[in-house]
N, C-alpha and C. Protein backbone atom coordinates (compact mmCIF):
# COMPACT_ATOMS: atom_id res chain seq x y z
N MET A 1 -38.08 -60.65 2.47
CA MET A 1 -37.92 -59.90 3.88
C MET A 1 -36.37 -59.98 4.16
N LYS A 2 -35.96 -58.87 4.35
CA LYS A 2 -34.55 -58.45 4.69
C LYS A 2 -34.13 -59.27 5.97
N ASN A 3 -35.03 -59.20 6.98
CA ASN A 3 -34.43 -59.58 8.33
C ASN A 3 -35.44 -60.80 9.11
N ILE A 4 -35.41 -62.07 8.32
CA ILE A 4 -36.22 -63.07 8.97
C ILE A 4 -35.79 -63.15 10.38
N ALA A 5 -34.67 -63.17 10.90
CA ALA A 5 -34.40 -63.33 12.41
C ALA A 5 -35.02 -62.37 13.21
N LEU A 6 -35.01 -61.21 12.73
CA LEU A 6 -35.89 -60.27 13.81
C LEU A 6 -37.39 -60.25 13.60
N TYR A 7 -37.95 -60.68 12.49
CA TYR A 7 -39.33 -60.74 12.35
C TYR A 7 -39.73 -62.16 13.15
N LYS A 8 -39.01 -63.25 13.24
CA LYS A 8 -39.44 -64.34 13.83
C LYS A 8 -39.28 -63.80 15.54
N GLU A 9 -38.24 -63.01 15.98
CA GLU A 9 -38.14 -62.60 17.13
C GLU A 9 -39.22 -61.72 17.49
N LEU A 10 -39.70 -60.86 16.68
CA LEU A 10 -40.96 -59.89 17.24
C LEU A 10 -42.47 -60.93 17.49
N ILE A 11 -42.40 -61.98 16.50
CA ILE A 11 -43.47 -62.72 16.44
C ILE A 11 -43.64 -63.57 17.71
N ASN A 12 -42.58 -64.26 17.88
CA ASN A 12 -42.35 -65.04 19.17
C ASN A 12 -42.37 -64.42 20.39
N GLY A 13 -41.74 -63.09 20.56
CA GLY A 13 -41.93 -62.30 21.78
C GLY A 13 -43.37 -61.83 21.84
N TYR A 14 -43.96 -61.52 20.77
CA TYR A 14 -45.34 -61.21 21.01
C TYR A 14 -46.24 -62.15 21.56
N GLU A 15 -46.00 -63.31 20.84
CA GLU A 15 -47.10 -64.54 21.51
C GLU A 15 -46.60 -65.02 22.96
N LYS A 16 -45.56 -64.70 23.27
CA LYS A 16 -44.97 -65.29 24.61
C LYS A 16 -45.81 -64.26 25.53
N VAL A 17 -46.06 -62.98 25.33
CA VAL A 17 -46.63 -62.00 26.26
C VAL A 17 -48.20 -61.79 26.13
N ALA A 18 -48.60 -62.34 24.88
CA ALA A 18 -50.18 -61.87 24.45
C ALA A 18 -50.90 -62.76 25.46
N TYR A 19 -52.17 -62.16 25.85
CA TYR A 19 -52.91 -62.73 26.70
C TYR A 19 -53.88 -63.91 25.98
N THR A 20 -54.03 -63.67 24.80
CA THR A 20 -54.54 -65.04 23.89
C THR A 20 -54.03 -65.33 22.62
N ASP A 21 -54.23 -66.29 22.00
CA ASP A 21 -53.80 -66.77 20.79
C ASP A 21 -54.90 -67.08 19.87
N ASN A 22 -55.92 -65.98 20.07
CA ASN A 22 -57.29 -66.04 19.21
C ASN A 22 -57.30 -64.86 18.64
N TYR A 23 -57.54 -64.52 17.36
CA TYR A 23 -57.45 -63.51 16.60
C TYR A 23 -58.84 -63.26 15.54
N ILE A 24 -59.20 -62.14 15.37
CA ILE A 24 -60.25 -61.57 14.56
C ILE A 24 -59.45 -60.57 14.02
N TRP A 25 -59.15 -60.80 12.41
CA TRP A 25 -58.64 -60.16 11.47
C TRP A 25 -59.42 -59.29 10.53
N GLY A 26 -59.45 -58.22 10.18
CA GLY A 26 -60.18 -57.38 9.47
C GLY A 26 -59.49 -56.83 8.31
N PHE A 27 -60.24 -56.80 7.03
CA PHE A 27 -59.65 -56.45 5.75
C PHE A 27 -60.41 -56.23 4.68
N THR A 28 -60.11 -55.51 3.74
CA THR A 28 -61.25 -54.91 2.70
C THR A 28 -60.72 -55.91 1.44
N TYR A 29 -61.86 -56.21 0.75
CA TYR A 29 -61.55 -56.98 -0.40
C TYR A 29 -62.83 -57.06 -1.19
N ASN A 30 -62.43 -56.52 -2.52
CA ASN A 30 -63.55 -56.65 -3.50
C ASN A 30 -64.80 -55.68 -2.87
N GLY A 31 -64.50 -54.64 -2.33
CA GLY A 31 -65.89 -53.69 -1.91
C GLY A 31 -66.53 -54.34 -0.59
N ASN A 32 -65.96 -55.13 -0.01
CA ASN A 32 -66.53 -55.70 1.36
C ASN A 32 -65.30 -55.80 2.37
N VAL A 33 -65.85 -55.65 3.59
CA VAL A 33 -65.01 -55.56 4.89
C VAL A 33 -65.07 -56.94 5.45
N TYR A 34 -64.16 -57.77 5.52
CA TYR A 34 -64.18 -59.23 5.77
C TYR A 34 -63.67 -59.45 7.51
N MET A 35 -63.99 -60.42 8.14
CA MET A 35 -63.72 -60.81 9.38
C MET A 35 -63.13 -62.28 9.20
N ALA A 36 -61.97 -62.69 9.72
CA ALA A 36 -61.51 -63.86 9.59
C ALA A 36 -61.07 -64.29 11.14
N ILE A 37 -61.49 -65.33 11.82
CA ILE A 37 -61.15 -65.86 12.97
C ILE A 37 -60.07 -67.08 13.02
N THR A 38 -58.77 -66.91 13.44
CA THR A 38 -57.91 -67.82 13.45
C THR A 38 -57.13 -67.91 14.60
N LYS A 39 -56.22 -68.72 14.92
CA LYS A 39 -55.11 -68.93 15.72
C LYS A 39 -54.04 -68.02 15.51
N SER A 40 -53.20 -67.78 16.62
CA SER A 40 -52.07 -66.85 16.44
C SER A 40 -50.90 -67.51 15.42
N HIS A 41 -51.03 -68.82 15.00
CA HIS A 41 -50.13 -69.07 13.81
C HIS A 41 -50.43 -68.40 12.61
N TYR A 42 -51.35 -67.55 12.45
CA TYR A 42 -51.78 -66.94 11.37
C TYR A 42 -50.95 -65.44 11.38
N ILE A 43 -50.21 -65.26 12.45
CA ILE A 43 -49.56 -63.90 12.36
C ILE A 43 -48.42 -64.02 11.44
N GLU A 44 -47.76 -65.01 11.46
CA GLU A 44 -46.63 -65.19 10.22
C GLU A 44 -47.03 -65.17 8.94
N THR A 45 -48.23 -65.53 8.76
CA THR A 45 -48.78 -65.73 7.33
C THR A 45 -49.31 -64.29 6.65
N VAL A 46 -49.88 -63.43 7.86
CA VAL A 46 -50.28 -62.18 7.29
C VAL A 46 -49.42 -60.98 7.78
N CYS A 47 -48.67 -61.09 8.50
CA CYS A 47 -48.15 -59.92 9.15
C CYS A 47 -46.62 -59.61 8.38
N LYS A 48 -46.05 -58.46 8.74
CA LYS A 48 -44.72 -58.08 8.02
C LYS A 48 -44.05 -57.25 8.81
N LEU A 49 -42.86 -57.29 8.65
CA LEU A 49 -41.82 -56.37 9.40
C LEU A 49 -41.81 -55.14 8.90
N ASP A 50 -42.03 -53.85 9.67
CA ASP A 50 -41.98 -52.55 9.10
C ASP A 50 -41.19 -51.75 9.82
N ARG A 51 -40.78 -50.71 9.39
CA ARG A 51 -40.38 -49.73 10.06
C ARG A 51 -41.19 -49.11 11.15
N ALA A 52 -40.87 -48.85 12.32
CA ALA A 52 -41.66 -48.29 13.52
C ALA A 52 -41.19 -46.75 13.45
N SER A 53 -42.39 -46.08 14.01
CA SER A 53 -41.93 -44.40 14.16
C SER A 53 -41.47 -44.27 15.41
N ARG A 54 -40.78 -43.06 15.69
CA ARG A 54 -40.13 -42.32 16.94
C ARG A 54 -39.23 -43.13 17.62
N GLY A 55 -38.25 -43.81 16.41
CA GLY A 55 -37.03 -44.55 17.05
C GLY A 55 -37.55 -45.83 17.89
N ALA A 56 -38.38 -46.41 17.41
CA ALA A 56 -38.77 -47.72 18.23
C ALA A 56 -38.32 -48.86 17.56
N GLY A 57 -37.44 -48.89 16.34
CA GLY A 57 -36.88 -49.80 15.60
C GLY A 57 -37.77 -50.33 14.58
N TYR A 58 -38.08 -51.44 14.53
CA TYR A 58 -39.00 -52.20 13.72
C TYR A 58 -40.05 -52.57 14.24
N SER A 59 -41.47 -52.95 13.57
CA SER A 59 -42.35 -53.22 14.03
C SER A 59 -43.17 -54.36 13.60
N LEU A 60 -43.91 -55.01 14.04
CA LEU A 60 -44.68 -56.20 13.58
C LEU A 60 -45.89 -55.61 13.10
N ARG A 61 -46.33 -55.73 11.63
CA ARG A 61 -47.83 -55.12 11.16
C ARG A 61 -48.56 -56.03 10.55
N PHE A 62 -49.96 -55.70 10.75
CA PHE A 62 -50.99 -56.61 10.00
C PHE A 62 -51.20 -55.56 8.63
N LYS A 63 -50.24 -55.92 7.64
CA LYS A 63 -50.60 -55.16 6.22
C LYS A 63 -50.74 -56.15 5.12
N PRO A 64 -51.87 -56.87 4.91
CA PRO A 64 -51.95 -58.02 4.02
C PRO A 64 -51.84 -57.64 2.67
N THR A 65 -51.41 -58.44 1.87
CA THR A 65 -51.10 -58.23 0.46
C THR A 65 -52.56 -58.75 0.05
N LYS A 66 -52.84 -58.67 -1.27
CA LYS A 66 -53.90 -59.37 -2.14
C LYS A 66 -53.67 -61.04 -1.74
N ALA A 67 -52.68 -61.49 -2.01
CA ALA A 67 -52.65 -63.00 -1.62
C ALA A 67 -52.89 -63.32 -0.64
N GLN A 68 -52.26 -62.51 0.58
CA GLN A 68 -52.54 -62.89 2.05
C GLN A 68 -54.12 -62.71 2.24
N LYS A 69 -54.77 -61.71 1.89
CA LYS A 69 -56.13 -61.66 1.89
C LYS A 69 -56.88 -62.69 1.18
N GLU A 70 -56.54 -63.06 0.12
CA GLU A 70 -57.28 -64.36 -0.42
C GLU A 70 -56.99 -65.52 0.29
N ALA A 71 -56.08 -65.55 1.00
CA ALA A 71 -55.66 -66.81 1.79
C ALA A 71 -56.50 -66.73 3.26
N LEU A 72 -56.73 -65.56 3.71
CA LEU A 72 -57.68 -65.41 4.89
C LEU A 72 -59.08 -65.47 4.45
N ILE A 73 -59.39 -65.15 3.47
CA ILE A 73 -60.73 -65.27 2.97
C ILE A 73 -61.44 -66.83 3.18
N THR A 74 -60.58 -67.59 3.17
CA THR A 74 -60.79 -68.96 3.46
C THR A 74 -61.55 -69.27 4.79
N LYS A 75 -61.21 -68.54 5.78
CA LYS A 75 -61.46 -68.48 7.31
C LYS A 75 -62.34 -67.31 7.55
N ALA A 76 -62.85 -66.27 6.36
CA ALA A 76 -63.38 -65.22 6.73
C ALA A 76 -64.90 -65.27 6.38
N SER A 77 -65.79 -64.31 6.98
CA SER A 77 -66.92 -63.94 6.53
C SER A 77 -67.10 -62.49 6.28
N ILE A 78 -67.99 -62.20 5.51
CA ILE A 78 -68.19 -60.75 5.18
C ILE A 78 -68.64 -59.76 6.35
N LEU A 79 -68.25 -58.97 6.77
CA LEU A 79 -68.71 -58.31 8.12
C LEU A 79 -69.92 -57.07 7.45
N CYS A 80 -69.25 -56.46 6.50
CA CYS A 80 -70.26 -55.26 5.89
C CYS A 80 -69.41 -54.90 4.65
N SER A 81 -70.06 -54.08 3.82
CA SER A 81 -69.76 -53.49 2.81
C SER A 81 -68.51 -52.39 3.22
N GLU A 82 -67.74 -52.20 2.42
CA GLU A 82 -66.49 -51.36 2.46
C GLU A 82 -67.20 -50.03 2.51
N LYS A 83 -68.32 -49.73 1.82
CA LYS A 83 -68.98 -48.44 1.48
C LYS A 83 -69.61 -48.11 3.17
N PHE A 84 -70.15 -49.14 3.70
CA PHE A 84 -70.78 -48.81 5.01
C PHE A 84 -69.83 -48.81 5.91
N PHE A 85 -68.76 -49.23 5.87
CA PHE A 85 -67.65 -49.33 6.91
C PHE A 85 -67.18 -47.90 6.76
N ASN A 86 -66.66 -47.30 5.60
CA ASN A 86 -66.18 -45.81 5.65
C ASN A 86 -67.38 -44.99 6.10
N GLU A 87 -68.65 -45.12 6.00
CA GLU A 87 -69.59 -44.21 6.49
C GLU A 87 -69.52 -44.13 7.96
N GLU A 88 -69.49 -45.49 8.45
CA GLU A 88 -69.32 -45.53 9.90
C GLU A 88 -68.17 -45.07 10.42
N PHE A 89 -66.99 -45.25 9.86
CA PHE A 89 -65.82 -44.53 10.28
C PHE A 89 -65.66 -42.97 10.10
N GLN A 90 -66.33 -42.42 9.31
CA GLN A 90 -66.37 -41.00 8.96
C GLN A 90 -67.28 -40.17 9.80
N SER A 91 -68.05 -41.22 10.43
CA SER A 91 -69.03 -40.55 11.32
C SER A 91 -68.74 -40.67 12.81
N THR A 92 -67.50 -41.13 13.19
CA THR A 92 -67.15 -41.29 14.53
C THR A 92 -65.68 -40.55 14.80
N LYS A 93 -65.28 -40.40 15.84
CA LYS A 93 -64.19 -39.89 16.58
C LYS A 93 -63.06 -40.94 16.32
N TYR A 94 -63.24 -42.06 16.34
CA TYR A 94 -62.38 -43.32 16.36
C TYR A 94 -62.00 -43.89 14.99
N ASN A 95 -60.68 -44.54 15.11
CA ASN A 95 -59.96 -44.58 14.07
C ASN A 95 -60.43 -46.09 13.05
N ARG A 96 -59.98 -46.50 12.19
CA ARG A 96 -60.59 -47.45 11.39
C ARG A 96 -60.59 -49.05 12.36
N GLY A 97 -59.39 -49.12 13.02
CA GLY A 97 -59.09 -50.35 13.90
C GLY A 97 -60.18 -50.62 14.89
N GLU A 98 -60.91 -49.13 15.56
CA GLU A 98 -61.65 -49.13 16.47
C GLU A 98 -62.94 -49.19 16.03
N THR A 99 -63.17 -48.76 14.73
CA THR A 99 -64.56 -48.88 14.22
C THR A 99 -64.69 -50.26 13.83
N PHE A 100 -63.55 -50.95 13.40
CA PHE A 100 -63.76 -52.40 12.99
C PHE A 100 -64.34 -53.26 14.24
N GLU A 101 -63.38 -52.74 15.30
CA GLU A 101 -63.74 -53.43 16.62
C GLU A 101 -65.07 -53.42 17.25
N ARG A 102 -65.63 -52.17 17.04
CA ARG A 102 -66.98 -52.00 17.46
C ARG A 102 -68.03 -52.70 16.66
N LEU A 103 -67.85 -52.81 15.25
CA LEU A 103 -68.80 -53.51 14.40
C LEU A 103 -68.66 -55.07 14.69
N VAL A 104 -67.49 -55.72 14.98
CA VAL A 104 -67.48 -57.16 15.20
C VAL A 104 -67.95 -57.25 16.57
N THR A 105 -67.69 -56.48 17.72
CA THR A 105 -68.17 -56.70 18.95
C THR A 105 -69.57 -56.50 18.94
N GLU A 106 -70.40 -55.64 18.07
CA GLU A 106 -71.89 -55.74 17.79
C GLU A 106 -72.34 -56.70 17.17
N LYS A 107 -71.61 -57.45 15.98
CA LYS A 107 -72.20 -58.62 15.32
C LYS A 107 -72.29 -59.58 16.52
N PHE A 108 -71.52 -59.86 17.60
CA PHE A 108 -71.51 -60.72 18.45
C PHE A 108 -72.54 -60.48 19.46
N GLY A 109 -73.23 -59.43 19.35
CA GLY A 109 -74.56 -59.31 20.24
C GLY A 109 -74.20 -58.41 21.36
N GLN A 110 -72.91 -57.67 21.42
CA GLN A 110 -72.32 -57.09 22.89
C GLN A 110 -72.03 -55.59 22.23
N GLU A 111 -72.29 -54.79 23.40
CA GLU A 111 -72.11 -53.66 23.40
C GLU A 111 -70.55 -53.09 23.53
N TRP A 112 -70.09 -52.14 22.60
CA TRP A 112 -68.66 -51.95 22.50
C TRP A 112 -68.48 -50.75 23.18
N GLU A 113 -67.35 -50.49 23.93
CA GLU A 113 -66.69 -49.45 24.45
C GLU A 113 -65.24 -49.34 24.41
N LYS A 114 -64.69 -48.31 24.17
CA LYS A 114 -63.36 -48.35 23.97
C LYS A 114 -62.75 -48.35 25.29
N ASP A 115 -61.53 -49.25 25.26
CA ASP A 115 -60.98 -49.36 26.56
C ASP A 115 -59.55 -49.26 26.49
N SER A 116 -58.69 -49.30 27.21
CA SER A 116 -57.24 -49.22 27.19
C SER A 116 -56.46 -50.39 27.86
N ILE A 117 -57.24 -51.95 27.88
CA ILE A 117 -56.74 -52.83 28.61
C ILE A 117 -55.42 -53.47 27.52
N PRO A 118 -54.31 -53.51 28.10
CA PRO A 118 -53.13 -53.98 27.36
C PRO A 118 -53.51 -55.47 26.82
N PHE A 119 -52.75 -55.84 25.68
CA PHE A 119 -52.93 -56.82 25.03
C PHE A 119 -52.32 -58.06 25.99
N THR A 120 -51.63 -57.69 26.80
CA THR A 120 -50.92 -58.83 27.89
C THR A 120 -51.87 -58.96 28.78
N LYS A 121 -53.09 -58.34 29.21
CA LYS A 121 -53.84 -58.47 30.28
C LYS A 121 -55.19 -58.97 29.98
N GLY A 122 -55.62 -58.77 28.58
CA GLY A 122 -56.92 -59.16 28.05
C GLY A 122 -56.79 -59.26 26.64
N GLY A 123 -58.29 -59.59 26.15
CA GLY A 123 -58.64 -59.33 24.82
C GLY A 123 -59.23 -58.48 24.56
N ASP A 124 -59.63 -57.95 23.24
CA ASP A 124 -60.40 -57.00 22.71
C ASP A 124 -61.85 -57.45 23.01
N LEU A 125 -62.11 -58.70 22.85
CA LEU A 125 -63.49 -59.22 22.89
C LEU A 125 -63.64 -60.57 23.34
N GLU A 126 -64.69 -60.92 24.32
CA GLU A 126 -64.72 -62.15 24.76
C GLU A 126 -66.12 -62.80 24.35
N VAL A 127 -66.14 -63.92 23.79
CA VAL A 127 -67.20 -64.64 23.24
C VAL A 127 -66.96 -66.14 23.88
N ASP A 128 -68.04 -66.46 24.44
CA ASP A 128 -68.21 -67.92 24.83
C ASP A 128 -67.19 -68.26 25.78
N GLY A 129 -66.54 -67.17 26.33
CA GLY A 129 -65.45 -67.57 27.45
C GLY A 129 -63.95 -67.66 26.84
N LYS A 130 -64.07 -67.34 25.43
CA LYS A 130 -62.62 -67.10 24.60
C LYS A 130 -62.50 -65.57 24.43
N ALA A 131 -61.21 -65.07 24.74
CA ALA A 131 -60.76 -63.64 24.53
C ALA A 131 -60.21 -63.67 22.94
N TYR A 132 -60.24 -62.77 22.33
CA TYR A 132 -59.84 -62.60 21.02
C TYR A 132 -59.31 -61.24 20.80
N GLN A 133 -57.98 -61.01 20.33
CA GLN A 133 -57.48 -59.97 19.92
C GLN A 133 -58.18 -59.56 18.47
N ILE A 134 -58.58 -58.38 18.26
CA ILE A 134 -59.09 -57.80 16.95
C ILE A 134 -58.07 -56.99 16.34
N LYS A 135 -57.73 -57.22 14.94
CA LYS A 135 -56.81 -56.29 14.33
C LYS A 135 -57.32 -56.02 12.91
N TYR A 136 -57.30 -54.90 12.63
CA TYR A 136 -57.79 -54.19 11.28
C TYR A 136 -56.74 -53.93 10.41
N GLN A 137 -56.69 -54.35 9.25
CA GLN A 137 -55.42 -54.02 8.07
C GLN A 137 -54.76 -52.81 8.52
N GLY A 138 -53.53 -52.61 8.76
CA GLY A 138 -52.47 -51.47 8.92
C GLY A 138 -52.37 -51.42 10.61
N ALA A 139 -52.81 -52.48 11.12
CA ALA A 139 -52.50 -52.51 12.62
C ALA A 139 -51.16 -52.94 13.00
N THR A 140 -50.58 -52.20 14.09
CA THR A 140 -49.30 -52.61 14.44
C THR A 140 -49.59 -53.62 15.65
N PHE A 141 -48.86 -54.49 15.74
CA PHE A 141 -48.84 -55.56 16.83
C PHE A 141 -47.97 -55.12 18.03
N CYS A 142 -46.75 -54.84 17.85
CA CYS A 142 -45.72 -54.34 18.61
C CYS A 142 -44.58 -53.84 17.78
N THR A 143 -43.45 -53.27 18.62
CA THR A 143 -42.55 -52.59 18.03
C THR A 143 -41.31 -53.22 18.70
N GLU A 144 -40.01 -53.25 18.32
CA GLU A 144 -39.16 -53.92 19.29
C GLU A 144 -38.95 -53.20 20.45
N LYS A 145 -38.80 -51.72 20.59
CA LYS A 145 -38.83 -51.05 21.78
C LYS A 145 -39.94 -51.55 22.63
N SER A 146 -41.23 -51.77 22.52
CA SER A 146 -42.31 -51.93 23.25
C SER A 146 -42.13 -53.40 23.66
N LEU A 147 -41.89 -54.35 22.92
CA LEU A 147 -41.45 -55.66 23.14
C LEU A 147 -40.29 -55.81 24.15
N LYS A 148 -39.33 -54.96 24.01
CA LYS A 148 -38.05 -55.19 25.02
C LYS A 148 -38.55 -54.40 26.38
N ASN A 149 -39.42 -53.66 26.36
CA ASN A 149 -39.92 -52.95 27.62
C ASN A 149 -40.63 -54.03 28.36
N LEU A 150 -41.47 -55.03 27.47
CA LEU A 150 -42.26 -55.91 28.28
C LEU A 150 -41.77 -57.33 28.78
N THR A 151 -40.58 -57.51 28.02
CA THR A 151 -39.88 -58.60 28.31
C THR A 151 -38.49 -58.42 29.40
N LYS A 152 -38.39 -57.32 29.78
CA LYS A 152 -37.22 -57.05 30.85
C LYS A 152 -37.33 -57.86 32.01
């Protein structure tokens, strides 16, 4: 990684303003979609520094490698087959992250509805009084620009 200082700055800045430090990570591996439940310290393990779009500098993105997926599997369970996930995704107007969020929410016996609650104000899901952020592979956590706006 070229810019470790910026990477750590984005992680630390994100964690300071995030509503929760509980995460549900989604990723594909060997034909299945997995969900792993962890604390925020896994952000550094499975995220990378990436170029952001539209002049926002760099971004912190959940784009796991095969080795990172294998590390997450120790905390994961199979949510569904990749085939089922793709059928669900293709039958809706929502993106893959939203499709994953819906399937996870339904797995916990709750009804999902799209919302726009900022990650600084609430989680994507609450289970037994605990809020969780839900992230599917490819998800962006924050950009340099958005984090600067949040921490002004």
